[in-house]
Structure formats: C-alpha cells, structure tokens
Amino acid sequence: MANLLEQDITGKIGTQKYLCTISWRNGKLVMDEPKSIGGKDLGPDPYSTLLASLAGCTLSTLRMYIDRKGWDIPEINISLNFSQKQNDELETTISRAISFSNEITTEQKERLLLIAEKCPISKLLKNKITINTQL
C-alpha cells in the first residue's frame, strides 16, 4: 500500500518536558501540553491538533463544494470538542458544530451535512486504523 504523503511527518523532543517539534513538507509545528499537566502551553496539545486536522479538512471540503455550486456563503465556522468514556473499551465521541455567515436553505443544510461527513479526515477517523510501530 502506497503512502499518501510525499514526505514523512517527523518529530523530535528534547529535555524540555512535553515540548515537541513536528516537521512537515516545508514547515514546523510546535506542540506542547497545557500548564495544568506540566507543559508550558507553547503550542497545541495532541488532542487539539487532531481536532484541528478534522476542522481544517471539514472547512476545506465544504468550501470546495460551496464554491463549485456557486452558493453565496462567504464564511464557514466550525467548533469541535470530544468526550471519552470507558466501557469494555474506550469510546470517543467528537462533537462538530458548523455554522455559516449567511442563511442557508434546508436543502443546502442537508447537502452540506453529507459533504462534511465525506471529508477525508472524517472518513479516516470513522474507519479501522492500524498503527504499525517500529523501534
């Protein structure tokens, strides 16, 4: 199976507790943990970064569809959070609320809800994921 990214995402951590530098194609992202658990809050934590991926993908997917349809919707807003509960296995629920700067019709709302569910990160998170780890 071929990789989807041209280059690997790489990361490193030094001696400063929780401060990570993540490198991607042509940039760097600093990740950290909140002060409440010992980090310095210098960047988003891993959970926030995961939700940011879903937010960016959802917004981009909706923008492409809205533009293709020629609909007058200049701004799309999104808000995400998640909760977890432990039963026999860990269950995670992501809440995603999307709003628009203009009023939209019921038909547009129904269609855009379907399109949001089809963004690549939504599909990735809803399917089986295998993580192969090597040392």
N, C-alpha and C. Protein backbone atom coordinates (compact mmCIF):
# COMPACT_ATOMS: atom_id res chain seq x y z
N MET A 1 0.85 -1.17 0.00
CA MET A 1 0.00 0.00 0.00
C MET A 1 0.89 1.24 0.00
N ALA A 2 0.63 2.17 -0.89
CA ALA A 2 1.46 3.37 -1.04
C ALA A 2 1.11 4.42 0.02
N ASN A 3 2.12 5.18 0.43
CA ASN A 3 1.91 6.28 1.37
C ASN A 3 1.12 7.39 0.70
N LEU A 4 0.28 8.06 1.46
CA LEU A 4 -0.49 9.19 0.93
C LEU A 4 0.31 10.48 0.91
N LEU A 5 1.25 10.63 1.83
CA LEU A 5 2.07 11.83 1.88
C LEU A 5 3.37 11.63 1.13
N GLU A 6 3.82 12.66 0.43
CA GLU A 6 5.09 12.59 -0.30
C GLU A 6 6.27 12.42 0.65
N GLN A 7 6.20 13.08 1.80
CA GLN A 7 7.27 13.01 2.79
C GLN A 7 6.68 12.64 4.14
N ASP A 8 7.46 11.93 4.95
CA ASP A 8 7.02 11.59 6.29
C ASP A 8 6.86 12.84 7.15
N ILE A 9 5.95 12.79 8.08
CA ILE A 9 5.87 13.77 9.16
C ILE A 9 6.90 13.30 10.19
N THR A 10 7.77 14.19 10.64
CA THR A 10 8.78 13.81 11.61
C THR A 10 8.63 14.66 12.87
N GLY A 11 9.15 14.16 13.95
CA GLY A 11 9.06 14.90 15.21
C GLY A 11 10.25 14.63 16.09
N LYS A 12 10.47 15.55 17.02
CA LYS A 12 11.53 15.35 18.00
C LYS A 12 11.16 16.06 19.29
N ILE A 13 11.72 15.56 20.38
CA ILE A 13 11.55 16.17 21.70
C ILE A 13 12.91 16.16 22.38
N GLY A 14 13.23 17.25 23.03
CA GLY A 14 14.47 17.34 23.79
C GLY A 14 14.18 17.12 25.26
N THR A 15 14.88 17.88 26.09
CA THR A 15 14.74 17.69 27.54
C THR A 15 13.62 18.54 28.14
N GLN A 16 13.12 19.54 27.40
CA GLN A 16 12.01 20.34 27.94
C GLN A 16 10.74 19.51 27.91
N LYS A 17 10.17 19.31 29.08
CA LYS A 17 9.02 18.43 29.25
C LYS A 17 7.90 18.77 28.27
N TYR A 18 7.50 17.78 27.46
CA TYR A 18 6.35 17.82 26.54
C TYR A 18 6.51 18.68 25.29
N LEU A 19 7.54 19.50 25.19
CA LEU A 19 7.69 20.38 24.03
C LEU A 19 8.22 19.59 22.84
N CYS A 20 7.41 19.45 21.81
CA CYS A 20 7.76 18.68 20.61
C CYS A 20 7.81 19.60 19.41
N THR A 21 8.70 19.30 18.49
CA THR A 21 8.74 19.98 17.21
C THR A 21 8.38 18.96 16.14
N ILE A 22 7.34 19.25 15.41
CA ILE A 22 6.86 18.38 14.34
C ILE A 22 7.17 19.06 13.02
N SER A 23 7.80 18.33 12.12
CA SER A 23 8.14 18.87 10.80
C SER A 23 7.29 18.23 9.74
N TRP A 24 6.84 19.03 8.80
CA TRP A 24 6.04 18.57 7.67
C TRP A 24 6.62 19.22 6.42
N ARG A 25 6.23 18.79 5.25
CA ARG A 25 6.78 19.22 3.96
C ARG A 25 7.72 20.42 4.02
N ASN A 26 7.19 21.57 4.38
CA ASN A 26 8.02 22.78 4.34
C ASN A 26 7.80 23.66 5.56
N GLY A 27 7.51 23.06 6.69
CA GLY A 27 7.29 23.87 7.87
C GLY A 27 7.46 23.08 9.15
N LYS A 28 7.32 23.79 10.25
CA LYS A 28 7.43 23.17 11.57
C LYS A 28 6.24 23.60 12.41
N LEU A 29 5.84 22.71 13.30
CA LEU A 29 4.74 22.95 14.22
C LEU A 29 5.24 22.60 15.60
N VAL A 30 5.03 23.48 16.55
CA VAL A 30 5.39 23.22 17.93
C VAL A 30 4.16 22.68 18.64
N MET A 31 4.32 21.57 19.35
CA MET A 31 3.25 21.00 20.15
C MET A 31 3.70 20.94 21.60
N ASP A 32 2.77 21.13 22.50
CA ASP A 32 3.08 21.14 23.93
C ASP A 32 1.83 20.68 24.67
N GLU A 33 1.93 20.60 25.96
CA GLU A 33 0.79 20.25 26.82
C GLU A 33 0.41 21.48 27.64
N PRO A 34 -0.82 21.52 28.12
CA PRO A 34 -1.24 22.65 28.95
C PRO A 34 -0.44 22.74 30.25
N LYS A 35 -0.39 23.93 30.82
CA LYS A 35 0.31 24.14 32.09
C LYS A 35 -0.28 23.27 33.19
N SER A 36 -1.58 22.99 33.10
CA SER A 36 -2.26 22.23 34.15
C SER A 36 -1.71 20.81 34.32
N ILE A 37 -1.00 20.30 33.28
CA ILE A 37 -0.42 18.96 33.43
C ILE A 37 1.10 18.97 33.29
N GLY A 38 1.70 20.16 33.40
CA GLY A 38 3.16 20.23 33.44
C GLY A 38 3.82 20.76 32.19
N GLY A 39 3.06 21.06 31.15
CA GLY A 39 3.64 21.67 29.96
C GLY A 39 3.74 23.17 30.13
N LYS A 40 4.14 23.84 29.06
CA LYS A 40 4.22 25.31 29.09
C LYS A 40 3.19 25.94 28.15
N ASP A 41 2.35 25.13 27.52
CA ASP A 41 1.28 25.60 26.63
C ASP A 41 1.82 26.47 25.49
N LEU A 42 2.97 26.04 24.93
CA LEU A 42 3.61 26.80 23.85
C LEU A 42 3.04 26.45 22.47
N GLY A 43 2.18 25.46 22.41
CA GLY A 43 1.56 25.04 21.16
C GLY A 43 0.39 24.15 21.48
N PRO A 44 -0.33 23.74 20.47
CA PRO A 44 -1.48 22.87 20.71
C PRO A 44 -1.02 21.51 21.24
N ASP A 45 -1.87 20.90 22.06
CA ASP A 45 -1.61 19.55 22.54
C ASP A 45 -2.03 18.55 21.47
N PRO A 46 -1.67 17.28 21.60
CA PRO A 46 -2.01 16.30 20.56
C PRO A 46 -3.51 16.18 20.28
N TYR A 47 -4.35 16.27 21.32
CA TYR A 47 -5.80 16.18 21.09
C TYR A 47 -6.29 17.37 20.26
N SER A 48 -5.82 18.57 20.61
CA SER A 48 -6.21 19.76 19.86
C SER A 48 -5.75 19.69 18.42
N THR A 49 -4.56 19.14 18.21
CA THR A 49 -4.03 19.01 16.85
C THR A 49 -4.87 18.05 16.03
N LEU A 50 -5.30 16.95 16.65
CA LEU A 50 -6.18 16.01 15.95
C LEU A 50 -7.49 16.68 15.55
N LEU A 51 -8.09 17.41 16.49
CA LEU A 51 -9.34 18.10 16.17
C LEU A 51 -9.11 19.21 15.14
N ALA A 52 -7.95 19.87 15.18
CA ALA A 52 -7.63 20.89 14.19
C ALA A 52 -7.55 20.28 12.79
N SER A 53 -7.03 19.06 12.68
CA SER A 53 -6.99 18.36 11.39
C SER A 53 -8.39 18.14 10.86
N LEU A 54 -9.29 17.70 11.73
CA LEU A 54 -10.67 17.50 11.32
C LEU A 54 -11.33 18.82 10.95
N ALA A 55 -11.06 19.87 11.72
CA ALA A 55 -11.63 21.19 11.42
C ALA A 55 -11.17 21.70 10.06
N GLY A 56 -9.86 21.65 9.82
CA GLY A 56 -9.31 22.15 8.55
C GLY A 56 -9.83 21.37 7.36
N CYS A 57 -9.89 20.06 7.50
CA CYS A 57 -10.37 19.22 6.41
C CYS A 57 -11.85 19.47 6.13
N THR A 58 -12.64 19.58 7.18
CA THR A 58 -14.07 19.84 7.02
C THR A 58 -14.30 21.18 6.34
N LEU A 59 -13.62 22.22 6.82
CA LEU A 59 -13.79 23.55 6.24
C LEU A 59 -13.37 23.59 4.78
N SER A 60 -12.23 22.99 4.46
CA SER A 60 -11.75 22.98 3.07
C SER A 60 -12.70 22.21 2.15
N THR A 61 -13.19 21.07 2.63
CA THR A 61 -14.10 20.26 1.83
C THR A 61 -15.41 21.02 1.58
N LEU A 62 -15.94 21.66 2.61
CA LEU A 62 -17.16 22.44 2.44
C LEU A 62 -16.94 23.63 1.51
N ARG A 63 -15.80 24.31 1.65
CA ARG A 63 -15.51 25.46 0.78
C ARG A 63 -15.45 25.04 -0.68
N MET A 64 -14.78 23.92 -0.96
CA MET A 64 -14.69 23.44 -2.35
C MET A 64 -16.08 23.17 -2.91
N TYR A 65 -16.93 22.53 -2.12
CA TYR A 65 -18.27 22.19 -2.58
C TYR A 65 -19.14 23.44 -2.78
N ILE A 66 -19.09 24.35 -1.81
CA ILE A 66 -19.87 25.60 -1.90
C ILE A 66 -19.44 26.41 -3.11
N ASP A 67 -18.13 26.51 -3.34
CA ASP A 67 -17.63 27.26 -4.50
C ASP A 67 -18.06 26.61 -5.80
N ARG A 68 -17.99 25.26 -5.86
CA ARG A 68 -18.39 24.56 -7.08
C ARG A 68 -19.87 24.78 -7.38
N LYS A 69 -20.69 24.85 -6.34
CA LYS A 69 -22.13 25.08 -6.51
C LYS A 69 -22.45 26.55 -6.77
N GLY A 70 -21.51 27.45 -6.50
CA GLY A 70 -21.73 28.88 -6.71
C GLY A 70 -22.66 29.49 -5.66
N TRP A 71 -22.72 28.89 -4.48
CA TRP A 71 -23.58 29.41 -3.42
C TRP A 71 -22.92 30.60 -2.73
N ASP A 72 -23.73 31.57 -2.30
CA ASP A 72 -23.24 32.77 -1.63
C ASP A 72 -23.11 32.49 -0.13
N ILE A 73 -22.01 31.88 0.23
CA ILE A 73 -21.71 31.59 1.64
C ILE A 73 -20.25 32.01 1.87
N PRO A 74 -20.03 33.29 2.26
CA PRO A 74 -18.66 33.79 2.35
C PRO A 74 -17.84 33.23 3.51
N GLU A 75 -18.51 32.78 4.58
CA GLU A 75 -17.74 32.31 5.73
C GLU A 75 -18.37 31.06 6.33
N ILE A 76 -17.50 30.12 6.68
CA ILE A 76 -17.91 28.88 7.35
C ILE A 76 -17.19 28.85 8.69
N ASN A 77 -17.91 28.54 9.75
CA ASN A 77 -17.31 28.45 11.08
C ASN A 77 -17.51 27.04 11.62
N ILE A 78 -16.55 26.59 12.41
CA ILE A 78 -16.63 25.24 12.97
C ILE A 78 -16.14 25.26 14.41
N SER A 79 -16.73 24.43 15.22
CA SER A 79 -16.35 24.28 16.62
C SER A 79 -16.32 22.79 16.92
N LEU A 80 -15.23 22.31 17.51
CA LEU A 80 -15.10 20.89 17.81
C LEU A 80 -14.66 20.66 19.25
N ASN A 81 -15.06 19.53 19.78
CA ASN A 81 -14.58 19.07 21.07
C ASN A 81 -14.81 17.57 21.10
N PHE A 82 -14.38 16.91 22.15
CA PHE A 82 -14.62 15.48 22.23
C PHE A 82 -14.77 15.05 23.67
N SER A 83 -15.39 13.90 23.84
CA SER A 83 -15.53 13.31 25.16
C SER A 83 -15.19 11.83 25.05
N GLN A 84 -14.84 11.24 26.18
CA GLN A 84 -14.50 9.83 26.20
C GLN A 84 -15.13 9.17 27.41
N LYS A 85 -15.49 7.90 27.24
CA LYS A 85 -15.93 7.08 28.38
C LYS A 85 -15.38 5.68 28.20
N GLN A 86 -15.09 5.08 29.32
CA GLN A 86 -14.52 3.74 29.32
C GLN A 86 -15.60 2.73 29.67
N ASN A 87 -15.94 1.88 28.72
CA ASN A 87 -16.82 0.73 28.97
C ASN A 87 -15.92 -0.49 28.87
N ASP A 88 -16.29 -1.47 28.08
CA ASP A 88 -15.39 -2.58 27.81
C ASP A 88 -14.17 -2.09 27.05
N GLU A 89 -14.37 -1.08 26.21
CA GLU A 89 -13.26 -0.43 25.51
C GLU A 89 -13.50 1.07 25.55
N LEU A 90 -12.47 1.84 25.22
CA LEU A 90 -12.58 3.30 25.25
C LEU A 90 -13.48 3.76 24.10
N GLU A 91 -14.46 4.57 24.42
CA GLU A 91 -15.38 5.12 23.42
C GLU A 91 -15.18 6.63 23.34
N THR A 92 -14.88 7.12 22.16
CA THR A 92 -14.64 8.55 21.94
C THR A 92 -15.74 9.12 21.07
N THR A 93 -16.29 10.26 21.46
CA THR A 93 -17.30 10.95 20.67
C THR A 93 -16.78 12.35 20.37
N ILE A 94 -16.73 12.69 19.08
CA ILE A 94 -16.31 14.02 18.65
C ILE A 94 -17.57 14.80 18.31
N SER A 95 -17.69 16.00 18.88
CA SER A 95 -18.79 16.89 18.51
C SER A 95 -18.24 17.94 17.54
N ARG A 96 -18.98 18.13 16.45
CA ARG A 96 -18.57 19.07 15.41
C ARG A 96 -19.78 19.93 15.07
N ALA A 97 -19.69 21.23 15.34
CA ALA A 97 -20.78 22.16 15.04
C ALA A 97 -20.32 23.11 13.94
N ILE A 98 -21.10 23.19 12.87
CA ILE A 98 -20.76 24.01 11.71
C ILE A 98 -21.83 25.08 11.56
N SER A 99 -21.40 26.31 11.31
CA SER A 99 -22.34 27.39 11.05
C SER A 99 -21.83 28.22 9.86
N PHE A 100 -22.74 29.01 9.31
CA PHE A 100 -22.44 29.77 8.10
C PHE A 100 -22.79 31.24 8.32
N SER A 101 -22.09 32.13 7.62
CA SER A 101 -22.31 33.56 7.78
C SER A 101 -23.64 34.00 7.17
N ASN A 102 -24.14 33.25 6.20
CA ASN A 102 -25.42 33.56 5.55
C ASN A 102 -26.43 32.49 5.90
N GLU A 103 -27.69 32.85 5.82
CA GLU A 103 -28.74 31.86 5.98
C GLU A 103 -28.66 30.87 4.83
N ILE A 104 -28.90 29.60 5.11
CA ILE A 104 -28.91 28.59 4.05
C ILE A 104 -30.24 27.86 4.09
N THR A 105 -30.60 27.30 2.94
CA THR A 105 -31.86 26.59 2.84
C THR A 105 -31.76 25.23 3.52
N THR A 106 -32.90 24.62 3.77
CA THR A 106 -32.92 23.27 4.34
C THR A 106 -32.21 22.30 3.42
N GLU A 107 -32.41 22.44 2.12
CA GLU A 107 -31.74 21.55 1.16
C GLU A 107 -30.23 21.72 1.20
N GLN A 108 -29.76 22.98 1.27
CA GLN A 108 -28.32 23.22 1.37
C GLN A 108 -27.77 22.63 2.67
N LYS A 109 -28.51 22.82 3.76
CA LYS A 109 -28.08 22.30 5.06
C LYS A 109 -27.92 20.78 5.01
N GLU A 110 -28.90 20.10 4.44
CA GLU A 110 -28.84 18.64 4.35
C GLU A 110 -27.66 18.19 3.49
N ARG A 111 -27.44 18.88 2.38
CA ARG A 111 -26.34 18.51 1.48
C ARG A 111 -24.98 18.77 2.13
N LEU A 112 -24.85 19.92 2.79
CA LEU A 112 -23.58 20.27 3.42
C LEU A 112 -23.25 19.36 4.59
N LEU A 113 -24.26 18.87 5.27
CA LEU A 113 -24.04 17.89 6.34
C LEU A 113 -23.45 16.61 5.76
N LEU A 114 -23.99 16.16 4.64
CA LEU A 114 -23.44 14.97 3.97
C LEU A 114 -22.01 15.20 3.49
N ILE A 115 -21.75 16.36 2.95
CA ILE A 115 -20.41 16.69 2.45
C ILE A 115 -19.41 16.74 3.60
N ALA A 116 -19.80 17.31 4.74
CA ALA A 116 -18.91 17.36 5.91
C ALA A 116 -18.51 15.95 6.34
N GLU A 117 -19.47 15.03 6.29
CA GLU A 117 -19.18 13.64 6.67
C GLU A 117 -18.24 12.96 5.69
N LYS A 118 -18.12 13.50 4.48
CA LYS A 118 -17.27 12.88 3.45
C LYS A 118 -15.87 13.48 3.38
N CYS A 119 -15.56 14.42 4.27
CA CYS A 119 -14.20 14.96 4.22
C CYS A 119 -13.23 13.83 4.56
N PRO A 120 -12.05 13.82 3.94
CA PRO A 120 -11.12 12.71 4.12
C PRO A 120 -10.75 12.39 5.56
N ILE A 121 -10.61 13.38 6.42
CA ILE A 121 -10.24 13.10 7.81
C ILE A 121 -11.43 12.50 8.55
N SER A 122 -12.65 12.92 8.25
CA SER A 122 -13.83 12.28 8.84
C SER A 122 -13.86 10.81 8.48
N LYS A 123 -13.64 10.53 7.21
CA LYS A 123 -13.67 9.14 6.76
C LYS A 123 -12.54 8.33 7.41
N LEU A 124 -11.37 8.93 7.53
CA LEU A 124 -10.24 8.25 8.17
C LEU A 124 -10.56 7.90 9.62
N LEU A 125 -11.12 8.86 10.35
CA LEU A 125 -11.39 8.64 11.77
C LEU A 125 -12.52 7.65 12.02
N LYS A 126 -13.40 7.49 11.04
CA LYS A 126 -14.55 6.59 11.21
C LYS A 126 -14.24 5.16 10.77
N ASN A 127 -13.10 4.93 10.19
CA ASN A 127 -12.75 3.60 9.70
C ASN A 127 -11.69 2.96 10.59
N LYS A 128 -11.44 1.72 10.32
CA LYS A 128 -10.42 0.98 11.08
C LYS A 128 -9.05 1.59 10.82
N ILE A 129 -8.32 1.80 11.88
CA ILE A 129 -6.97 2.34 11.79
C ILE A 129 -6.01 1.34 12.43
N THR A 130 -4.96 1.03 11.73
CA THR A 130 -3.91 0.18 12.25
C THR A 130 -2.65 1.03 12.38
N ILE A 131 -1.99 0.97 13.52
CA ILE A 131 -0.75 1.69 13.73
C ILE A 131 0.38 0.68 13.85
N ASN A 132 1.28 0.69 12.89
CA ASN A 132 2.45 -0.20 12.91
C ASN A 132 3.62 0.58 13.49
N THR A 133 4.12 0.18 14.63
CA THR A 133 5.20 0.87 15.33
C THR A 133 6.47 0.04 15.29
N GLN A 134 7.59 0.71 15.00
CA GLN A 134 8.89 0.04 14.98
C GLN A 134 9.85 0.82 15.88
N LEU A 135 10.79 0.11 16.45
CA LEU A 135 11.88 0.76 17.20
C LEU A 135 13.18 0.48 16.49
